[in-house]
PDB file of N, CA and C in Angstrom:
ATOM      1  N   UNK A   1      -9.126   4.727  32.381  1.00  0.00           N
ATOM      2  CA  UNK A   1      -8.168   5.400  31.330  1.00  0.00           C
ATOM      3  C   UNK A   1      -6.977   4.179  32.256  1.00  0.00           C
ATOM      4  N   UNK A   2      -6.347   3.667  31.868  1.00  0.00           N
ATOM      5  CA  UNK A   2      -5.239   2.907  32.591  1.00  0.00           C
ATOM      6  C   UNK A   2      -3.770   3.563  31.565  1.00  0.00           C
ATOM      7  N   UNK A   3      -2.363   3.828  31.883  1.00  0.00           N
ATOM      8  CA  UNK A   3      -1.593   4.610  31.881  1.00  0.00           C
ATOM      9  C   UNK A   3      -0.556   3.680  32.223  1.00  0.00           C
ATOM     10  N   UNK A   4       0.419   3.543  30.383  1.00  0.00           N
ATOM     11  CA  UNK A   4       0.646   2.612  30.275  1.00  0.00           C
ATOM     12  C   UNK A   4       2.753   2.865  29.795  1.00  0.00           C
ATOM     13  N   UNK A   5       2.918   3.491  30.661  1.00  0.00           N
ATOM     14  CA  UNK A   5       4.411   4.203  29.649  1.00  0.00           C
ATOM     15  C   UNK A   5       5.025   3.936  28.561  1.00  0.00           C
ATOM     16  N   UNK A   6       5.939   4.891  27.746  1.00  0.00           N
ATOM     17  CA  UNK A   6       6.372   3.831  26.451  1.00  0.00           C
ATOM     18  C   UNK A   6       7.148   2.701  26.557  1.00  0.00           C
ATOM     19  N   UNK A   7       7.741   3.175  27.933  1.00  0.00           N
ATOM     20  CA  UNK A   7       8.936   1.633  27.977  1.00  0.00           C
ATOM     21  C   UNK A   7       8.507   0.414  28.196  1.00  0.00           C
ATOM     22  N   UNK A   8       6.887   0.094  28.860  1.00  0.00           N
ATOM     23  CA  UNK A   8       6.490  -0.449  28.960  1.00  0.00           C
ATOM     24  C   UNK A   8       5.657  -1.791  27.716  1.00  0.00           C
ATOM     25  N   UNK A   9       4.827  -0.535  26.906  1.00  0.00           N
ATOM     26  CA  UNK A   9       4.629  -0.973  25.659  1.00  0.00           C
ATOM     27  C   UNK A   9       5.307  -1.548  25.281  1.00  0.00           C
ATOM     28  N   UNK A  10       4.603  -3.242  24.888  1.00  0.00           N
ATOM     29  CA  UNK A  10       5.213  -3.661  23.427  1.00  0.00           C
ATOM     30  C   UNK A  10       4.437  -4.074  21.970  1.00  0.00           C
ATOM     31  N   UNK A  11       5.989  -3.139  21.483  1.00  0.00           N
ATOM     32  CA  UNK A  11       5.540  -2.971  19.435  1.00  0.00           C
ATOM     33  C   UNK A  11       5.152  -4.710  18.820  1.00  0.00           C
ATOM     34  N   UNK A  12       4.384  -5.162  18.285  1.00  0.00           N
ATOM     35  CA  UNK A  12       3.905  -6.552  18.189  1.00  0.00           C
ATOM     36  C   UNK A  12       3.888  -6.896  16.933  1.00  0.00           C
ATOM     37  N   UNK A  13       4.109  -7.547  16.082  1.00  0.00           N
ATOM     38  CA  UNK A  13       3.649  -7.477  14.966  1.00  0.00           C
ATOM     39  C   UNK A  13       2.499  -8.299  14.879  1.00  0.00           C
ATOM     40  N   UNK A  14       1.098  -7.772  14.226  1.00  0.00           N
ATOM     41  CA  UNK A  14       0.054  -8.278  13.902  1.00  0.00           C
ATOM     42  C   UNK A  14      -0.568  -7.683  12.387  1.00  0.00           C
ATOM     43  N   UNK A  15      -1.643  -9.081  12.213  1.00  0.00           N
ATOM     44  CA  UNK A  15      -2.489  -8.797  10.275  1.00  0.00           C
ATOM     45  C   UNK A  15      -3.679  -7.645  10.621  1.00  0.00           C
ATOM     46  N   UNK A  16      -3.729  -6.910  10.411  1.00  0.00           N
ATOM     47  CA  UNK A  16      -4.561  -5.885  10.433  1.00  0.00           C
ATOM     48  C   UNK A  16      -6.143  -6.482   9.643  1.00  0.00           C
ATOM     49  N   UNK A  17      -7.470  -6.742  10.282  1.00  0.00           N
ATOM     50  CA  UNK A  17      -7.809  -7.151   9.354  1.00  0.00           C
ATOM     51  C   UNK A  17      -9.283  -6.556   9.352  1.00  0.00           C
ATOM     52  N   UNK A  18      -8.602  -4.659  10.143  1.00  0.00           N
ATOM     53  CA  UNK A  18      -9.758  -3.743   9.865  1.00  0.00           C
ATOM     54  C   UNK A  18      -9.468  -3.224   8.052  1.00  0.00           C
ATOM     55  N   UNK A  19      -7.907  -2.899   7.808  1.00  0.00           N
ATOM     56  CA  UNK A  19      -7.777  -2.391   6.627  1.00  0.00           C
ATOM     57  C   UNK A  19      -7.278  -3.441   5.652  1.00  0.00           C
ATOM     58  N   UNK A  20      -7.800  -4.693   6.044  1.00  0.00           N
ATOM     59  CA  UNK A  20      -7.231  -5.919   5.364  1.00  0.00           C
ATOM     60  C   UNK A  20      -7.615  -5.858   3.530  1.00  0.00           C
ATOM     61  N   UNK A  21      -6.352  -7.136   2.466  1.00  0.00           N
ATOM     62  CA  UNK A  21      -7.580  -6.586   0.861  1.00  0.00           C
ATOM     63  C   UNK A  21      -7.604  -8.207   1.042  1.00  0.00           C
ATOM     64  N   UNK A  22      -6.337  -9.091   1.720  1.00  0.00           N
ATOM     65  CA  UNK A  22      -6.687 -10.155   0.730  1.00  0.00           C
ATOM     66  C   UNK A  22      -6.654 -11.232   2.473  1.00  0.00           C
ATOM     67  N   UNK A  23      -5.134 -10.410   3.580  1.00  0.00           N
ATOM     68  CA  UNK A  23      -5.882 -11.318   4.564  1.00  0.00           C
ATOM     69  C   UNK A  23      -4.669 -10.271   5.518  1.00  0.00           C
ATOM     70  N   UNK A  24      -4.591  -9.468   5.452  1.00  0.00           N
ATOM     71  CA  UNK A  24      -4.174  -8.808   6.644  1.00  0.00           C
ATOM     72  C   UNK A  24      -2.780  -8.731   6.544  1.00  0.00           C
ATOM     73  N   UNK A  25      -1.794  -9.389   5.817  1.00  0.00           N
ATOM     74  CA  UNK A  25      -0.596  -9.260   6.473  1.00  0.00           C
ATOM     75  C   UNK A  25       0.005  -7.949   5.922  1.00  0.00           C
ATOM     76  N   UNK A  26      -0.608  -6.936   4.279  1.00  0.00           N
ATOM     77  CA  UNK A  26       0.831  -5.952   4.108  1.00  0.00           C
ATOM     78  C   UNK A  26       0.156  -5.080   5.592  1.00  0.00           C
ATOM     79  N   UNK A  27      -1.309  -5.058   5.045  1.00  0.00           N
ATOM     80  CA  UNK A  27      -1.115  -3.986   6.262  1.00  0.00           C
ATOM     81  C   UNK A  27      -0.913  -3.688   8.416  1.00  0.00           C
ATOM     82  N   UNK A  28      -0.772  -5.044   7.973  1.00  0.00           N
ATOM     83  CA  UNK A  28       0.020  -5.532  10.143  1.00  0.00           C
ATOM     84  C   UNK A  28       1.149  -4.608   9.521  1.00  0.00           C
ATOM     85  N   UNK A  29       2.620  -5.153   8.125  1.00  0.00           N
ATOM     86  CA  UNK A  29       3.706  -4.870   8.658  1.00  0.00           C
ATOM     87  C   UNK A  29       3.458  -3.574   8.410  1.00  0.00           C
ATOM     88  N   UNK A  30       2.630  -3.004   7.459  1.00  0.00           N
ATOM     89  CA  UNK A  30       2.604  -0.854   7.610  1.00  0.00           C
ATOM     90  C   UNK A  30       1.974  -0.818   8.370  1.00  0.00           C
ATOM     91  N   UNK A  31       2.009  -1.226   9.439  1.00  0.00           N
ATOM     92  CA  UNK A  31       1.118  -0.167  10.460  1.00  0.00           C
ATOM     93  C   UNK A  31       2.511  -0.144  11.856  1.00  0.00           C
ATOM     94  N   UNK A  32       2.955  -1.801  11.629  1.00  0.00           N
ATOM     95  CA  UNK A  32       4.227  -1.625  13.027  1.00  0.00           C
ATOM     96  C   UNK A  32       5.246  -0.797  12.414  1.00  0.00           C
ATOM     97  N   UNK A  33       5.600  -0.577  10.988  1.00  0.00           N
ATOM     98  CA  UNK A  33       6.903   0.421  10.921  1.00  0.00           C
ATOM     99  C   UNK A  33       6.168   1.659  10.448  1.00  0.00           C
ATOM    100  N   UNK A  34       5.179   1.659  10.220  1.00  0.00           N
ATOM    101  CA  UNK A  34       4.808   3.191  10.545  1.00  0.00           C
ATOM    102  C   UNK A  34       4.381   3.654   9.153  1.00  0.00           C
ATOM    103  N   UNK A  35       4.565   3.258   7.889  1.00  0.00           N
ATOM    104  CA  UNK A  35       4.584   3.313   6.735  1.00  0.00           C
ATOM    105  C   UNK A  35       2.638   3.224   6.036  1.00  0.00           C
ATOM    106  N   UNK A  36       2.636   3.702   5.025  1.00  0.00           N
ATOM    107  CA  UNK A  36       1.971   4.045   4.320  1.00  0.00           C
ATOM    108  C   UNK A  36       1.105   2.597   3.854  1.00  0.00           C
ATOM    109  N   UNK A  37       0.024   2.080   3.801  1.00  0.00           N
ATOM    110  CA  UNK A  37      -0.359   0.665   3.388  1.00  0.00           C
ATOM    111  C   UNK A  37      -0.479   0.465   1.805  1.00  0.00           C
ATOM    112  N   UNK A  38      -0.284   1.803   0.694  1.00  0.00           N
ATOM    113  CA  UNK A  38      -0.516   1.325  -0.426  1.00  0.00           C
ATOM    114  C   UNK A  38       1.314   0.983  -0.644  1.00  0.00           C
ATOM    115  N   UNK A  39       2.237   1.868  -0.256  1.00  0.00           N
ATOM    116  CA  UNK A  39       3.604   1.975  -0.553  1.00  0.00           C
ATOM    117  C   UNK A  39       4.176   0.111   0.077  1.00  0.00           C
ATOM    118  N   UNK A  40       4.193  -0.327   0.699  1.00  0.00           N
ATOM    119  CA  UNK A  40       3.344  -2.139   1.545  1.00  0.00           C
ATOM    120  C   UNK A  40       3.289  -2.929   0.189  1.00  0.00           C
ATOM    121  N   UNK A  41       1.597  -2.699  -0.549  1.00  0.00           N
ATOM    122  CA  UNK A  41       1.273  -3.195  -0.809  1.00  0.00           C
ATOM    123  C   UNK A  41       2.015  -3.747  -1.880  1.00  0.00           C
ATOM    124  N   UNK A  42       2.390  -2.391  -2.563  1.00  0.00           N
ATOM    125  CA  UNK A  42       2.292  -2.381  -3.459  1.00  0.00           C
ATOM    126  C   UNK A  42       4.017  -2.878  -4.212  1.00  0.00           C
ATOM    127  N   UNK A  43       4.709  -2.883  -2.896  1.00  0.00           N
ATOM    128  CA  UNK A  43       6.444  -3.963  -2.541  1.00  0.00           C
ATOM    129  C   UNK A  43       5.676  -4.861  -2.772  1.00  0.00           C
ATOM    130  N   UNK A  44       5.416  -5.702  -2.354  1.00  0.00           N
ATOM    131  CA  UNK A  44       4.441  -6.870  -2.568  1.00  0.00           C
ATOM    132  C   UNK A  44       4.388  -7.303  -3.607  1.00  0.00           C
ATOM    133  N   UNK A  45       3.303  -6.898  -4.513  1.00  0.00           N
ATOM    134  CA  UNK A  45       3.413  -6.765  -5.427  1.00  0.00           C
ATOM    135  C   UNK A  45       4.349  -7.358  -6.453  1.00  0.00           C
ATOM    136  N   UNK A  46       5.104  -5.958  -6.115  1.00  0.00           N
ATOM    137  CA  UNK A  46       6.032  -6.359  -7.255  1.00  0.00           C
ATOM    138  C   UNK A  46       7.756  -7.218  -6.339  1.00  0.00           C
ATOM    139  N   UNK A  47       7.399  -7.329  -5.170  1.00  0.00           N
ATOM    140  CA  UNK A  47       8.131  -9.123  -5.622  1.00  0.00           C
ATOM    141  C   UNK A  47       7.238 -10.697  -5.757  1.00  0.00           C
ATOM    142  N   UNK A  48       6.003 -10.661  -5.714  1.00  0.00           N
ATOM    143  CA  UNK A  48       5.477 -11.303  -5.953  1.00  0.00           C
ATOM    144  C   UNK A  48       6.378 -11.645  -7.764  1.00  0.00           C
ATOM    145  N   UNK A  49       6.233 -10.474  -8.234  1.00  0.00           N
ATOM    146  CA  UNK A  49       6.025 -10.475  -9.400  1.00  0.00           C
ATOM    147  C   UNK A  49       8.068 -10.882 -10.582  1.00  0.00           C
ATOM    148  N   UNK A  50       8.624 -10.466  -9.111  1.00  0.00           N
ATOM    149  CA  UNK A  50      10.129 -10.639  -9.484  1.00  0.00           C
ATOM    150  C   UNK A  50      10.080 -12.710  -8.677  1.00  0.00           C
ATOM    151  N   UNK A  51      10.115 -12.533  -7.476  1.00  0.00           N
ATOM    152  CA  UNK A  51      10.046 -14.210  -6.826  1.00  0.00           C
ATOM    153  C   UNK A  51       8.920 -14.429  -6.399  1.00  0.00           C
ATOM    154  N   UNK A  52       8.330 -14.795  -7.418  1.00  0.00           N
ATOM    155  CA  UNK A  52       6.774 -15.547  -7.385  1.00  0.00           C
ATOM    156  C   UNK A  52       6.132 -16.390  -5.599  1.00  0.00           C
ATOM    157  N   UNK A  53       7.617 -18.118  -5.627  1.00  0.00           N
ATOM    158  CA  UNK A  53       7.497 -18.239  -5.104  1.00  0.00           C
ATOM    159  C   UNK A  53       7.981 -18.148  -4.277  1.00  0.00           C
ATOM    160  N   UNK A  54       9.085 -17.851  -3.948  1.00  0.00           N
ATOM    161  CA  UNK A  54       9.141 -17.083  -2.989  1.00  0.00           C
ATOM    162  C   UNK A  54       8.673 -16.163  -1.223  1.00  0.00           C
ATOM    163  N   UNK A  55       8.378 -15.320  -1.864  1.00  0.00           N
ATOM    164  CA  UNK A  55       7.234 -14.040  -1.762  1.00  0.00           C
ATOM    165  C   UNK A  55       5.928 -15.192  -1.419  1.00  0.00           C
ATOM    166  N   UNK A  56       5.544 -16.061  -2.150  1.00  0.00           N
ATOM    167  CA  UNK A  56       4.148 -16.211  -2.560  1.00  0.00           C
ATOM    168  C   UNK A  56       3.544 -17.233  -1.093  1.00  0.00           C
ATOM    169  N   UNK A  57       4.958 -17.913  -1.267  1.00  0.00           N
ATOM    170  CA  UNK A  57       5.609 -18.689   0.383  1.00  0.00           C
ATOM    171  C   UNK A  57       5.598 -18.088   1.864  1.00  0.00           C
ATOM    172  N   UNK A  58       5.964 -16.889   1.908  1.00  0.00           N
ATOM    173  CA  UNK A  58       6.420 -16.282   2.624  1.00  0.00           C
ATOM    174  C   UNK A  58       5.208 -15.664   3.499  1.00  0.00           C
ATOM    175  N   UNK A  59       3.711 -15.256   1.921  1.00  0.00           N
ATOM    176  CA  UNK A  59       3.041 -14.085   2.481  1.00  0.00           C
ATOM    177  C   UNK A  59       1.553 -15.624   3.548  1.00  0.00           C
ATOM    178  N   UNK A  60       1.898 -16.712   2.424  1.00  0.00           N
ATOM    179  CA  UNK A  60       1.387 -18.122   3.202  1.00  0.00           C
ATOM    180  C   UNK A  60       1.254 -17.987   4.448  1.00  0.00           C
ATOM    181  N   UNK A  61       2.995 -18.181   4.658  1.00  0.00           N
ATOM    182  CA  UNK A  61       2.992 -18.065   6.607  1.00  0.00           C
ATOM    183  C   UNK A  61       3.056 -16.856   7.058  1.00  0.00           C
ATOM    184  N   UNK A  62       3.085 -16.457   6.238  1.00  0.00           N
ATOM    185  CA  UNK A  62       3.035 -14.871   7.472  1.00  0.00           C
ATOM    186  C   UNK A  62       0.823 -15.016   7.670  1.00  0.00           C
ATOM    187  N   UNK A  63       0.534 -15.488   6.468  1.00  0.00           N
ATOM    188  CA  UNK A  63      -0.267 -15.058   6.909  1.00  0.00           C
ATOM    189  C   UNK A  63      -1.446 -16.587   7.834  1.00  0.00           C
ATOM    190  N   UNK A  64      -0.599 -17.268   8.512  1.00  0.00           N
ATOM    191  CA  UNK A  64      -0.888 -18.133   8.538  1.00  0.00           C
ATOM    192  C   UNK A  64      -0.553 -18.203  10.435  1.00  0.00           C
ATOM    193  N   UNK A  65       0.712 -17.355  10.429  1.00  0.00           N
ATOM    194  CA  UNK A  65       1.117 -17.176  11.465  1.00  0.00           C
ATOM    195  C   UNK A  65       0.562 -16.329  12.501  1.00  0.00           C
ATOM    196  N   UNK A  66       1.042 -15.133  11.641  1.00  0.00           N
ATOM    197  CA  UNK A  66       0.534 -13.789  12.452  1.00  0.00           C
ATOM    198  C   UNK A  66      -0.289 -13.893  12.875  1.00  0.00           C
ATOM    199  N   UNK A  67      -0.433 -13.510  14.353  1.00  0.00           N
ATOM    200  CA  UNK A  67      -1.710 -13.178  15.107  1.00  0.00           C
ATOM    201  C   UNK A  67      -2.052 -12.251  14.717  1.00  0.00           C
ATOM    202  N   UNK A  68      -3.936 -12.173  14.677  1.00  0.00           N
ATOM    203  CA  UNK A  68      -4.403 -11.427  14.141  1.00  0.00           C
ATOM    204  C   UNK A  68      -5.187 -10.018  15.337  1.00  0.00           C
ATOM    205  N   UNK A  69      -4.648  -9.019  14.499  1.00  0.00           N
ATOM    206  CA  UNK A  69      -5.114  -7.559  16.084  1.00  0.00           C
ATOM    207  C   UNK A  69      -6.444  -7.268  16.603  1.00  0.00           C
ATOM    208  N   UNK A  70      -6.148  -7.481  17.361  1.00  0.00           N
ATOM    209  CA  UNK A  70      -7.117  -6.997  18.401  1.00  0.00           C
ATOM    210  C   UNK A  70      -8.358  -5.737  19.017  1.00  0.00           C
TER     211      UNK A  70
END
């Protein structure tokens, strides 16, 4: 068992492949901010309907650049 004080642990935004639906971006964002996954997914769908090009490009970039959770 290793002890890591909370001030030494670094929070990192990653894709969550355990709870993914498409690529894990929304699940990773929900895990990082400690929000419910369904809320992030609903917000992503609403953003996709409102701003389809910008949201689509942002999602694709995030899917390519975010590391996967180990």
